[in-house]
Amino acid sequence: FFACRRTRGSMSESFEVRDFVAFGRSLVARTPFQPGQVVLQEEPLLRWNASELPEELASLVELHNLDPCLPSIVSHYLSAAPEVQALIDDMRVPSLPVDDLVSNVYAFATSLRSAAPQYRRMSVAGFVKVMFAAKLNSHKVPGGDWAIFPQASKIAHSCAPNLMFTGHSFVCIYPIEPNDLLTFSYISLMDLMESTVQRQLRLRDARYFVCKCTRCMDVDHGRQLNCTACRKGHLLRLGTPLTCLDHDGRHFARSYVPWRHVEGAEPLEVWACEVCGVASTDTELQKVLAQEVALEHAVQDAGHRNTLEEARFHQLKVLMQRVVEALGAHHYLYAKLCFLLSVYYRDLGELEGGDLTRQFAIVWGQRYLQALKNIQMDRDPKFAHPLAAAFQLDLVAKLGKSARLRPQLRPLAVACRPTLAALYGNQDTDVEMLATMLEQAGADEASGDSSMLQSFLEEVKRGKTEEDLFSSWDKIRLVLQYQRDQQRRAQD
């Protein structure tokens, strides 16, 4: 897919470095790997903490309004061995845009040369290159430090990665064949859930490239819209505005998704229904796309408000209703809201309602996991996606003390254990906890529940729509409020 050539002197038994025209030197597998195998583990060339700045640098960082992470490498680079400096100098830095960050870094580098004698050995351009080499090629390691590695810093990004960085090593999470590009994600697991255009914008702003990995060049499964023509399928976009405009739709479809191209259809619009084949352009979908943008901002705002106030629940409820109506349940915003609602109920259960409240955490969590499958984030039947596995582990760990809820949590433990065992080993504390829970299956069922509690629990489990769940919660809140009032009267 990408033009490349081998780089001499940079080969091991497991992988080799190849020089790609599109994104520079990157690692390619020479042997196959299976999930759980450690592909690469090495000591960093340089490791530094962004909070540890020499006094002369700290004042300049504040003056030029910079995040300390960039300037903090300067003193470490200057004190490094010449061969280490040479490896960092050889790292690729793309053409930098004229933005506030780049301007501030140039201003900082100019001031730096007059701050102390040791900083006069390098040019302004040299300092800028070192700082951006650190920004674009470093990884965060345990303890909050940043590090540049001799080989790992050459691992390419993908939004459908085959490796995961555990903080100590790069572990295979999906089968790798010889000549496969080794990849891991430069953005967080939660960010991987977003639409293609959102991921591309994040990477463009943070790493100065537009991602064109296999997932980004496929149709955007995270951004499926309800088809109003057949009311059965979903409209899928062929590419993003960063890689494919309306008039590029036909070329894009021929190049990357030929199953969507129909000979003689001119022009082929960039949106197409997976069922009936009806096509649309961004312009024709302008109204719903405007709603999508507004909802993206609102959901992002809701995610930043980690409170258990009634107002936040009302905000999540209204947003879920709006997303279902405008976008449907096969959109990444639906998945995000299911996650936020599950976490809300999980935490609220510690304050009121107990297992009855936590039951909602499980139900919304199950919808979240299904949503990850709907948007094709979690596709492997054997190994759960690390994002899904992390969420499943969290629910099992925090709700698994309840004998009443354990039967529903065991399928989550079964689903996430292979992934976590592959990443961290069977001796990991969390993996051992999952194994213990599965060994105790059937030995700790709850009994003696009141008929009212059993009725409510069954009603929540049977909820088929989002409105069913909201309606059930309204009834349960009234009961909880009545119980609180009764307790206050008894105390008075």
Protein backbone atom coordinates (compact mmCIF):
# COMPACT_ATOMS: atom_id res chain seq x y z
CA PHE A 1 0.00 0.00 0.00
CA PHE A 2 2.80 2.45 0.92
CA ALA A 3 6.03 2.75 -1.05
CA CYS A 4 9.00 1.83 1.13
CA ARG A 5 12.59 0.60 1.17
CA ARG A 6 14.63 -1.33 3.71
CA THR A 7 17.01 0.66 5.88
CA ARG A 8 20.44 -0.96 6.14
CA GLY A 9 21.83 -1.86 9.54
CA SER A 10 18.47 -1.78 11.31
CA MET A 11 17.26 -5.36 11.36
CA SER A 12 16.59 -7.99 14.03
CA GLU A 13 15.24 -11.53 13.92
CA SER A 14 11.71 -10.30 14.71
CA PHE A 15 11.44 -7.04 12.80
CA GLU A 16 13.26 -4.63 10.54
CA VAL A 17 13.15 -0.90 9.86
CA ARG A 18 11.84 0.21 6.48
CA ASP A 19 11.76 3.73 5.13
CA PHE A 20 8.21 4.60 4.02
CA VAL A 21 7.59 7.52 1.69
CA ALA A 22 4.36 8.38 3.48
CA PHE A 23 5.51 8.44 7.12
CA GLY A 24 9.24 7.77 7.43
CA ARG A 25 11.15 4.95 9.10
CA SER A 26 8.89 2.35 10.71
CA LEU A 27 9.13 -1.19 12.03
CA VAL A 28 7.88 -4.14 9.95
CA ALA A 29 7.50 -7.71 11.23
CA ARG A 30 9.83 -10.38 9.90
CA THR A 31 8.18 -13.22 11.83
CA PRO A 32 4.56 -13.92 12.82
CA PHE A 33 3.25 -12.96 16.26
CA GLN A 34 0.19 -14.08 18.18
CA PRO A 35 -1.74 -12.09 20.83
CA GLY A 36 0.14 -12.08 24.10
CA GLN A 37 3.64 -12.27 22.60
CA VAL A 38 6.04 -9.49 23.53
CA VAL A 39 7.23 -7.97 20.26
CA LEU A 40 9.62 -5.37 21.66
CA GLN A 41 11.04 -4.48 25.06
CA GLU A 42 13.96 -2.10 25.43
CA GLU A 43 15.51 0.57 27.61
CA PRO A 44 14.93 4.20 26.60
CA LEU A 45 17.58 6.40 25.05
CA LEU A 46 16.40 9.29 27.18
CA ARG A 47 13.89 9.52 30.00
CA TRP A 48 12.74 12.74 31.61
CA ASN A 49 10.08 14.28 33.81
CA ALA A 50 8.35 17.36 32.47
CA SER A 51 8.09 18.89 35.95
CA GLU A 52 11.87 18.85 36.49
CA LEU A 53 13.11 21.99 34.78
CA PRO A 54 16.33 23.91 35.45
CA GLU A 55 15.59 27.33 36.93
CA GLU A 56 16.68 29.22 33.81
CA LEU A 57 14.31 27.12 31.67
CA ALA A 58 11.32 27.38 34.03
CA SER A 59 11.13 31.17 33.72
CA LEU A 60 11.35 30.99 29.91
CA VAL A 61 8.63 28.32 29.75
CA GLU A 62 6.29 30.61 31.68
CA LEU A 63 7.28 33.63 29.61
CA HIS A 64 6.53 31.89 26.31
CA ASN A 65 3.41 30.05 27.52
CA LEU A 66 4.68 26.52 26.80
CA ASP A 67 3.78 23.13 28.21
CA PRO A 68 6.92 22.04 30.15
CA CYS A 69 6.94 18.67 28.34
CA LEU A 70 8.60 20.15 25.25
CA PRO A 71 11.39 22.28 26.81
CA SER A 72 12.11 19.75 29.55
CA ILE A 73 14.06 17.53 27.15
CA VAL A 74 16.61 20.23 26.31
CA SER A 75 18.94 19.81 29.31
CA HIS A 76 18.70 16.00 29.09
CA TYR A 77 19.58 16.07 25.39
CA LEU A 78 22.61 18.31 25.96
CA SER A 79 23.96 16.01 28.69
CA ALA A 80 23.37 12.82 26.69
CA ALA A 81 26.16 10.83 25.00
CA PRO A 82 27.01 11.89 21.42
CA GLU A 83 25.63 8.64 19.97
CA VAL A 84 22.30 9.24 21.73
CA GLN A 85 22.18 12.80 20.42
CA ALA A 86 22.89 11.47 16.92
CA LEU A 87 19.96 9.03 17.09
CA ILE A 88 17.59 11.81 18.19
CA ASP A 89 18.93 14.16 15.51
CA ASP A 90 18.17 11.46 12.94
CA MET A 91 14.49 11.25 13.91
CA ARG A 92 12.07 12.57 11.35
CA VAL A 93 10.17 15.79 12.05
CA PRO A 94 7.50 16.77 9.51
CA SER A 95 7.01 20.25 8.10
CA LEU A 96 5.65 22.33 10.96
CA PRO A 97 2.61 24.57 10.55
CA VAL A 98 2.68 28.24 11.45
CA ASP A 99 0.61 28.05 14.62
CA ASP A 100 0.84 29.43 18.15
CA LEU A 101 2.75 26.44 19.53
CA VAL A 102 5.43 26.46 16.83
CA SER A 103 5.80 30.26 17.10
CA ASN A 104 6.16 30.01 20.89
CA VAL A 105 8.75 27.24 20.59
CA TYR A 106 10.84 29.33 18.17
CA ALA A 107 10.61 32.30 20.54
CA PHE A 108 11.61 30.08 23.47
CA ALA A 109 14.60 28.67 21.52
CA THR A 110 15.74 32.17 20.60
CA SER A 111 15.60 33.30 24.25
CA LEU A 112 17.26 30.06 25.39
CA ARG A 113 20.53 30.74 23.60
CA SER A 114 21.11 33.80 25.79
CA ALA A 115 19.97 32.14 29.04
CA ALA A 116 23.23 30.31 29.84
CA PRO A 117 26.53 29.46 28.07
CA GLN A 118 25.71 25.75 27.59
CA TYR A 119 22.71 26.67 25.42
CA ARG A 120 24.83 28.58 22.87
CA ARG A 121 26.23 25.36 21.40
CA MET A 122 23.09 24.79 19.32
CA SER A 123 21.21 26.88 16.80
CA VAL A 124 17.60 27.96 17.22
CA ALA A 125 16.58 25.50 14.49
CA GLY A 126 18.50 22.73 16.28
CA PHE A 127 16.64 23.31 19.54
CA VAL A 128 13.29 23.39 17.75
CA LYS A 129 14.04 20.10 15.97
CA VAL A 130 15.04 18.37 19.22
CA MET A 131 11.89 19.55 21.02
CA PHE A 132 9.57 18.43 18.25
CA ALA A 133 11.47 15.15 17.82
CA ALA A 134 10.65 14.58 21.49
CA LYS A 135 7.02 15.61 21.04
CA LEU A 136 6.45 13.35 18.03
CA ASN A 137 8.57 10.32 19.00
CA SER A 138 8.32 9.99 22.78
CA HIS A 139 6.03 7.73 24.80
CA LYS A 140 4.70 8.11 28.33
CA VAL A 141 6.06 5.49 30.74
CA PRO A 142 5.13 4.47 34.30
CA GLY A 143 5.63 7.22 36.84
CA GLY A 144 4.55 9.95 34.45
CA ASP A 145 7.94 10.27 32.75
CA TRP A 146 8.44 10.63 29.01
CA ALA A 147 10.92 8.51 27.08
CA ILE A 148 12.48 8.18 23.63
CA PHE A 149 13.39 4.62 22.59
CA PRO A 150 15.88 3.45 19.95
CA GLN A 151 13.39 1.16 18.14
CA ALA A 152 9.99 1.69 19.77
CA SER A 153 9.98 5.33 18.71
CA LYS A 154 9.82 4.03 15.13
CA ILE A 155 6.56 2.12 15.65
CA ALA A 156 3.90 3.68 13.44
CA HIS A 157 0.44 4.80 14.54
CA SER A 158 -2.77 3.03 13.58
CA CYS A 159 -6.36 3.48 14.73
CA ALA A 160 -6.63 -0.32 14.46
CA PRO A 161 -3.29 -1.21 16.07
CA ASN A 162 -1.77 -4.66 16.33
CA LEU A 163 0.36 -3.74 19.39
CA MET A 164 -0.35 -2.21 22.78
CA PHE A 165 2.20 -0.42 24.94
CA THR A 166 1.86 -1.68 28.52
CA GLY A 167 4.31 0.86 29.93
CA HIS A 168 7.16 -1.63 29.81
CA SER A 169 6.82 -3.49 26.52
CA PHE A 170 4.93 -3.65 23.24
CA VAL A 171 2.62 -6.67 23.23
CA CYS A 172 0.79 -8.16 20.25
CA ILE A 173 -3.00 -7.80 20.55
CA TYR A 174 -4.00 -9.01 17.06
CA PRO A 175 -2.27 -11.63 14.88
CA ILE A 176 0.70 -10.26 12.93
CA GLU A 177 2.11 -11.79 9.74
CA PRO A 178 5.56 -11.26 8.21
CA ASN A 179 5.78 -7.91 6.37
CA ASP A 180 2.94 -6.42 8.44
CA LEU A 181 3.57 -2.91 9.68
CA LEU A 182 3.93 -2.86 13.48
CA THR A 183 1.53 -0.29 14.90
CA PHE A 184 0.14 1.03 18.14
CA SER A 185 -2.12 3.96 18.93
CA TYR A 186 -0.74 7.44 19.59
CA ILE A 187 -4.12 8.45 21.05
CA SER A 188 -5.99 7.04 24.05
CA LEU A 189 -8.28 4.01 23.92
CA MET A 190 -11.31 6.25 24.50
CA ASP A 191 -10.25 8.51 21.64
CA LEU A 192 -10.06 5.47 19.34
CA MET A 193 -13.83 5.11 19.78
CA GLU A 194 -14.46 8.44 18.03
CA SER A 195 -15.34 8.97 14.39
CA THR A 196 -12.62 8.91 11.75
CA VAL A 197 -12.64 12.66 11.26
CA GLN A 198 -12.34 13.29 15.01
CA ARG A 199 -9.36 10.94 15.27
CA GLN A 200 -7.70 12.53 12.25
CA LEU A 201 -8.17 16.00 13.72
CA ARG A 202 -6.68 14.92 17.05
CA LEU A 203 -3.60 13.47 15.35
CA ARG A 204 -3.22 16.42 12.99
CA ASP A 205 -3.27 18.86 15.90
CA ALA A 206 -1.03 16.80 18.21
CA ARG A 207 1.30 14.99 15.79
CA TYR A 208 1.06 17.03 12.57
CA PHE A 209 -0.14 14.27 10.25
CA VAL A 210 -3.48 13.15 8.84
CA CYS A 211 -3.92 9.48 9.65
CA LYS A 212 -4.45 7.22 6.65
CA CYS A 213 -4.36 3.86 8.39
CA THR A 214 -6.58 1.04 7.13
CA ARG A 215 -9.36 2.01 9.52
CA CYS A 216 -9.27 5.68 8.56
CA MET A 217 -9.32 4.79 4.86
CA ASP A 218 -12.30 2.47 5.27
CA VAL A 219 -15.90 3.62 5.60
CA ASP A 220 -16.50 5.32 8.96
CA HIS A 221 -18.31 2.71 11.04
CA GLY A 222 -18.23 5.00 14.06
CA ARG A 223 -20.38 7.57 12.34
CA GLN A 224 -23.35 5.61 11.02
CA LEU A 225 -26.54 7.59 10.42
CA ASN A 226 -30.05 6.19 10.21
CA CYS A 227 -31.16 5.77 6.60
CA THR A 228 -34.50 7.57 6.15
CA ALA A 229 -35.05 5.92 2.76
CA CYS A 230 -35.27 2.24 3.80
CA ARG A 231 -35.38 2.74 7.61
CA LYS A 232 -33.39 -0.50 7.94
CA GLY A 233 -29.81 0.32 7.11
CA HIS A 234 -27.29 3.00 7.99
CA LEU A 235 -25.58 5.66 5.92
CA LEU A 236 -21.80 5.20 5.92
CA ARG A 237 -19.36 7.88 4.83
CA LEU A 238 -16.65 7.00 2.33
CA GLY A 239 -13.70 8.82 3.88
CA THR A 240 -13.61 12.18 5.65
CA PRO A 241 -13.36 15.81 4.56
CA LEU A 242 -9.61 15.49 5.24
CA THR A 243 -9.21 12.63 2.75
CA CYS A 244 -12.28 12.68 0.55
CA LEU A 245 -14.55 15.56 -0.49
CA ASP A 246 -17.91 15.18 -2.23
CA HIS A 247 -16.42 15.26 -5.72
CA ASP A 248 -13.76 12.70 -4.71
CA GLY A 249 -16.33 10.12 -3.70
CA ARG A 250 -16.18 8.01 -6.85
CA HIS A 251 -12.38 7.86 -6.89
CA PHE A 252 -12.30 7.05 -3.18
CA ALA A 253 -14.86 4.27 -3.58
CA ARG A 254 -12.91 2.70 -6.45
CA SER A 255 -9.62 2.86 -4.56
CA TYR A 256 -10.59 1.69 -1.11
CA VAL A 257 -14.12 0.29 -0.99
CA PRO A 258 -14.85 -1.15 -4.44
CA TRP A 259 -17.80 -3.15 -3.08
CA ARG A 260 -19.65 0.17 -2.85
CA HIS A 261 -18.97 1.30 -6.41
CA VAL A 262 -21.62 0.75 -9.07
CA GLU A 263 -20.47 1.11 -12.65
CA GLY A 264 -22.23 3.91 -14.47
CA ALA A 265 -23.25 5.76 -11.29
CA GLU A 266 -21.88 9.28 -11.79
CA PRO A 267 -21.12 10.87 -9.47
CA LEU A 268 -20.98 8.52 -6.49
CA GLU A 269 -21.74 10.56 -3.39
CA VAL A 270 -19.69 10.06 -0.22
CA TRP A 271 -22.58 8.73 1.92
CA ALA A 272 -24.21 5.42 1.02
CA CYS A 273 -26.68 3.13 2.80
CA GLU A 274 -25.32 -0.35 3.50
CA VAL A 275 -28.75 -1.91 2.81
CA CYS A 276 -30.60 -0.02 0.07
CA GLY A 277 -27.59 1.73 -1.51
CA VAL A 278 -29.18 5.19 -1.54
CA ALA A 279 -26.45 7.85 -1.77
CA SER A 280 -26.16 11.35 -0.32
CA THR A 281 -23.67 14.19 -0.09
CA ASP A 282 -22.55 16.22 2.91
CA THR A 283 -24.61 19.09 1.53
CA GLU A 284 -27.78 17.02 1.38
CA LEU A 285 -27.21 15.86 4.98
CA GLN A 286 -26.32 19.33 6.19
CA LYS A 287 -29.11 19.50 8.80
CA VAL A 288 -28.32 16.21 10.51
CA LEU A 289 -24.57 16.87 10.33
CA ALA A 290 -25.10 20.22 12.06
CA GLN A 291 -26.97 18.36 14.82
CA GLU A 292 -24.08 15.92 15.03
CA VAL A 293 -21.55 18.72 15.61
CA ALA A 294 -23.72 20.29 18.33
CA LEU A 295 -24.15 16.90 20.03
CA GLU A 296 -20.41 16.20 19.88
CA HIS A 297 -19.71 19.39 21.84
CA ALA A 298 -22.49 18.63 24.34
CA VAL A 299 -21.35 15.05 24.95
CA GLN A 300 -17.75 16.20 25.37
CA ASP A 301 -18.93 18.73 27.97
CA ALA A 302 -20.94 16.05 29.78
CA GLY A 303 -17.88 13.80 29.90
CA HIS A 304 -15.91 16.47 31.75
CA ARG A 305 -18.55 16.77 34.49
CA ASN A 306 -17.88 13.82 36.73
CA THR A 307 -20.54 14.51 39.37
CA LEU A 308 -23.50 12.57 40.74
CA GLU A 309 -25.87 15.52 40.85
CA GLU A 310 -29.41 15.11 39.54
CA ALA A 311 -28.73 17.82 36.96
CA ARG A 312 -25.97 15.73 35.37
CA PHE A 313 -28.23 12.70 35.07
CA HIS A 314 -30.86 14.89 33.40
CA GLN A 315 -28.17 16.17 31.01
CA LEU A 316 -27.13 12.61 30.07
CA LYS A 317 -30.75 11.54 29.65
CA VAL A 318 -31.62 14.43 27.33
CA LEU A 319 -28.44 13.90 25.30
CA MET A 320 -29.19 10.19 24.91
CA GLN A 321 -32.71 10.99 23.68
CA ARG A 322 -31.35 13.53 21.19
CA VAL A 323 -28.61 11.20 19.90
CA VAL A 324 -31.03 8.28 19.43
CA GLU A 325 -33.49 10.49 17.56
CA ALA A 326 -30.97 12.31 15.35
CA LEU A 327 -28.15 9.79 14.84
CA GLY A 328 -29.25 6.36 16.06
CA ALA A 329 -27.60 3.64 18.12
CA HIS A 330 -24.81 2.87 15.62
CA HIS A 331 -22.96 6.13 16.24
CA TYR A 332 -19.95 6.59 18.49
CA LEU A 333 -21.78 9.29 20.48
CA TYR A 334 -24.36 6.67 21.48
CA ALA A 335 -21.53 4.44 22.72
CA LYS A 336 -20.01 7.33 24.69
CA LEU A 337 -23.29 8.12 26.39
CA CYS A 338 -23.88 4.48 27.32
CA PHE A 339 -20.43 4.52 28.92
CA LEU A 340 -21.14 7.75 30.83
CA LEU A 341 -24.49 6.47 32.08
CA SER A 342 -22.96 3.18 33.23
CA VAL A 343 -20.23 5.01 35.16
CA TYR A 344 -22.83 7.39 36.64
CA TYR A 345 -24.93 4.52 38.02
CA ARG A 346 -21.84 2.59 39.13
CA ASP A 347 -20.74 5.48 41.33
CA LEU A 348 -24.25 6.43 42.44
CA GLY A 349 -24.78 2.90 43.74
CA GLU A 350 -22.27 3.65 46.50
CA LEU A 351 -24.55 6.42 47.78
CA GLU A 352 -28.10 5.23 47.20
CA GLY A 353 -30.03 2.26 45.91
CA GLY A 354 -27.18 -0.24 46.26
CA ASP A 355 -27.52 -3.19 43.89
CA LEU A 356 -30.70 -1.79 42.39
CA THR A 357 -28.77 1.26 41.19
CA ARG A 358 -25.78 -0.86 40.18
CA GLN A 359 -28.10 -2.99 38.04
CA PHE A 360 -28.50 0.05 35.80
CA ALA A 361 -24.70 0.29 35.58
CA ILE A 362 -24.62 -3.28 34.25
CA VAL A 363 -27.46 -2.76 31.75
CA TRP A 364 -26.00 0.46 30.36
CA GLY A 365 -22.59 -1.21 30.36
CA GLN A 366 -23.95 -4.08 28.26
CA ARG A 367 -25.35 -1.54 25.80
CA TYR A 368 -21.96 0.17 25.68
CA LEU A 369 -20.20 -3.10 24.87
CA GLN A 370 -22.74 -3.87 22.14
CA ALA A 371 -22.27 -0.34 20.77
CA LEU A 372 -18.52 -1.00 20.46
CA LYS A 373 -19.39 -4.02 18.32
CA ASN A 374 -21.88 -1.98 16.27
CA ILE A 375 -19.23 0.59 15.37
CA GLN A 376 -16.75 -2.27 14.72
CA MET A 377 -14.35 -1.31 17.49
CA ASP A 378 -14.63 -4.74 19.14
CA ARG A 379 -14.64 -7.32 16.35
CA ASP A 380 -12.40 -10.21 17.41
CA PRO A 381 -14.52 -13.09 18.82
CA LYS A 382 -11.60 -14.44 20.88
CA PHE A 383 -9.85 -11.33 22.20
CA ALA A 384 -11.88 -8.34 23.41
CA HIS A 385 -10.61 -4.95 22.29
CA PRO A 386 -8.45 -3.46 25.08
CA LEU A 387 -11.02 -0.66 25.48
CA ALA A 388 -13.82 -3.18 26.03
CA ALA A 389 -11.62 -5.35 28.27
CA ALA A 390 -10.66 -2.42 30.49
CA PHE A 391 -14.32 -1.46 30.94
CA GLN A 392 -15.38 -5.06 31.66
CA LEU A 393 -12.64 -5.40 34.26
CA ASP A 394 -13.70 -2.16 35.94
CA LEU A 395 -17.33 -3.30 36.26
CA VAL A 396 -16.34 -6.74 37.56
CA ALA A 397 -13.87 -5.29 40.09
CA LYS A 398 -16.24 -2.63 41.45
CA LEU A 399 -19.55 -4.52 41.37
CA GLY A 400 -18.36 -8.10 41.82
CA LYS A 401 -18.63 -8.02 45.63
CA SER A 402 -22.39 -8.37 45.29
CA ALA A 403 -23.51 -12.00 45.16
CA ARG A 404 -26.74 -10.77 43.58
CA LEU A 405 -24.92 -9.22 40.61
CA ARG A 406 -22.13 -11.74 40.08
CA PRO A 407 -24.09 -14.01 37.69
CA GLN A 408 -24.42 -11.07 35.27
CA LEU A 409 -20.79 -10.04 35.70
CA ARG A 410 -19.30 -13.46 34.96
CA PRO A 411 -19.82 -13.20 31.16
CA LEU A 412 -17.87 -9.93 31.29
CA ALA A 413 -15.07 -11.66 33.21
CA VAL A 414 -15.01 -14.45 30.62
CA ALA A 415 -14.83 -11.93 27.76
CA CYS A 416 -12.04 -9.72 29.11
CA ARG A 417 -9.77 -12.32 30.72
CA PRO A 418 -8.02 -13.58 27.52
CA THR A 419 -7.07 -10.03 26.50
CA LEU A 420 -5.81 -9.04 29.95
CA ALA A 421 -3.93 -12.33 30.40
CA ALA A 422 -2.27 -11.80 27.00
CA LEU A 423 -1.23 -8.26 27.92
CA TYR A 424 -0.19 -8.68 31.55
CA GLY A 425 0.19 -12.42 32.17
CA ASN A 426 -1.76 -14.90 34.28
CA GLN A 427 0.06 -13.79 37.45
CA ASP A 428 -1.30 -10.24 37.20
CA THR A 429 -3.47 -9.31 40.21
CA ASP A 430 -6.50 -8.41 38.10
CA VAL A 431 -6.23 -11.54 35.97
CA GLU A 432 -6.04 -13.68 39.10
CA MET A 433 -9.12 -11.92 40.48
CA LEU A 434 -11.05 -12.77 37.31
CA ALA A 435 -9.91 -16.40 37.49
CA THR A 436 -11.05 -16.67 41.11
CA MET A 437 -14.44 -15.24 40.26
CA LEU A 438 -14.93 -17.72 37.43
CA GLU A 439 -13.92 -20.65 39.64
CA GLN A 440 -16.65 -19.70 42.12
CA ALA A 441 -19.44 -19.76 39.53
CA GLY A 442 -22.75 -20.84 41.01
CA ALA A 443 -21.50 -20.84 44.61
CA ASP A 444 -22.65 -17.41 45.69
CA GLU A 445 -26.13 -16.74 44.34
CA ALA A 446 -28.14 -14.27 46.41
CA SER A 447 -31.36 -15.35 48.10
CA GLY A 448 -34.06 -13.85 50.26
CA ASP A 449 -34.68 -10.75 48.15
CA SER A 450 -38.02 -9.03 48.65
CA SER A 451 -40.61 -9.45 45.93
CA MET A 452 -40.45 -5.71 45.19
CA LEU A 453 -36.65 -5.80 44.74
CA GLN A 454 -36.88 -8.87 42.50
CA SER A 455 -39.59 -7.17 40.44
CA PHE A 456 -37.53 -4.03 39.93
CA LEU A 457 -34.37 -5.97 39.06
CA GLU A 458 -36.23 -8.00 36.44
CA GLU A 459 -37.84 -4.88 34.99
CA VAL A 460 -34.45 -3.25 34.52
CA LYS A 461 -33.04 -6.39 32.87
CA ARG A 462 -36.01 -6.55 30.48
CA GLY A 463 -35.70 -2.93 29.36
CA LYS A 464 -35.50 -3.01 25.56
CA THR A 465 -35.21 0.69 24.77
CA GLU A 466 -33.49 3.64 26.32
CA GLU A 467 -36.89 5.05 27.29
CA ASP A 468 -37.74 1.79 29.08
CA LEU A 469 -34.66 2.22 31.25
CA PHE A 470 -35.33 5.87 31.98
CA SER A 471 -38.93 5.04 32.90
CA SER A 472 -37.79 2.27 35.26
CA TRP A 473 -35.32 4.61 36.93
CA ASP A 474 -38.03 7.24 37.46
CA LYS A 475 -40.14 4.67 39.34
CA ILE A 476 -37.19 3.44 41.39
CA ARG A 477 -36.21 6.99 42.33
CA LEU A 478 -39.69 7.55 43.72
CA VAL A 479 -39.35 4.40 45.86
CA LEU A 480 -35.88 5.43 47.05
CA GLN A 481 -37.18 8.89 47.91
CA TYR A 482 -40.11 7.35 49.82
CA GLN A 483 -37.69 5.14 51.79
CA ARG A 484 -35.51 8.13 52.67
CA ASP A 485 -38.57 10.07 53.85
CA GLN A 486 -39.65 7.11 55.98
CA GLN A 487 -36.19 6.89 57.56
CA ARG A 488 -36.20 10.60 58.39
CA ARG A 489 -39.64 10.34 60.01
CA ALA A 490 -38.49 7.36 62.07
CA GLN A 491 -35.46 9.32 63.27
CA ASP A 492 -37.60 12.33 64.17
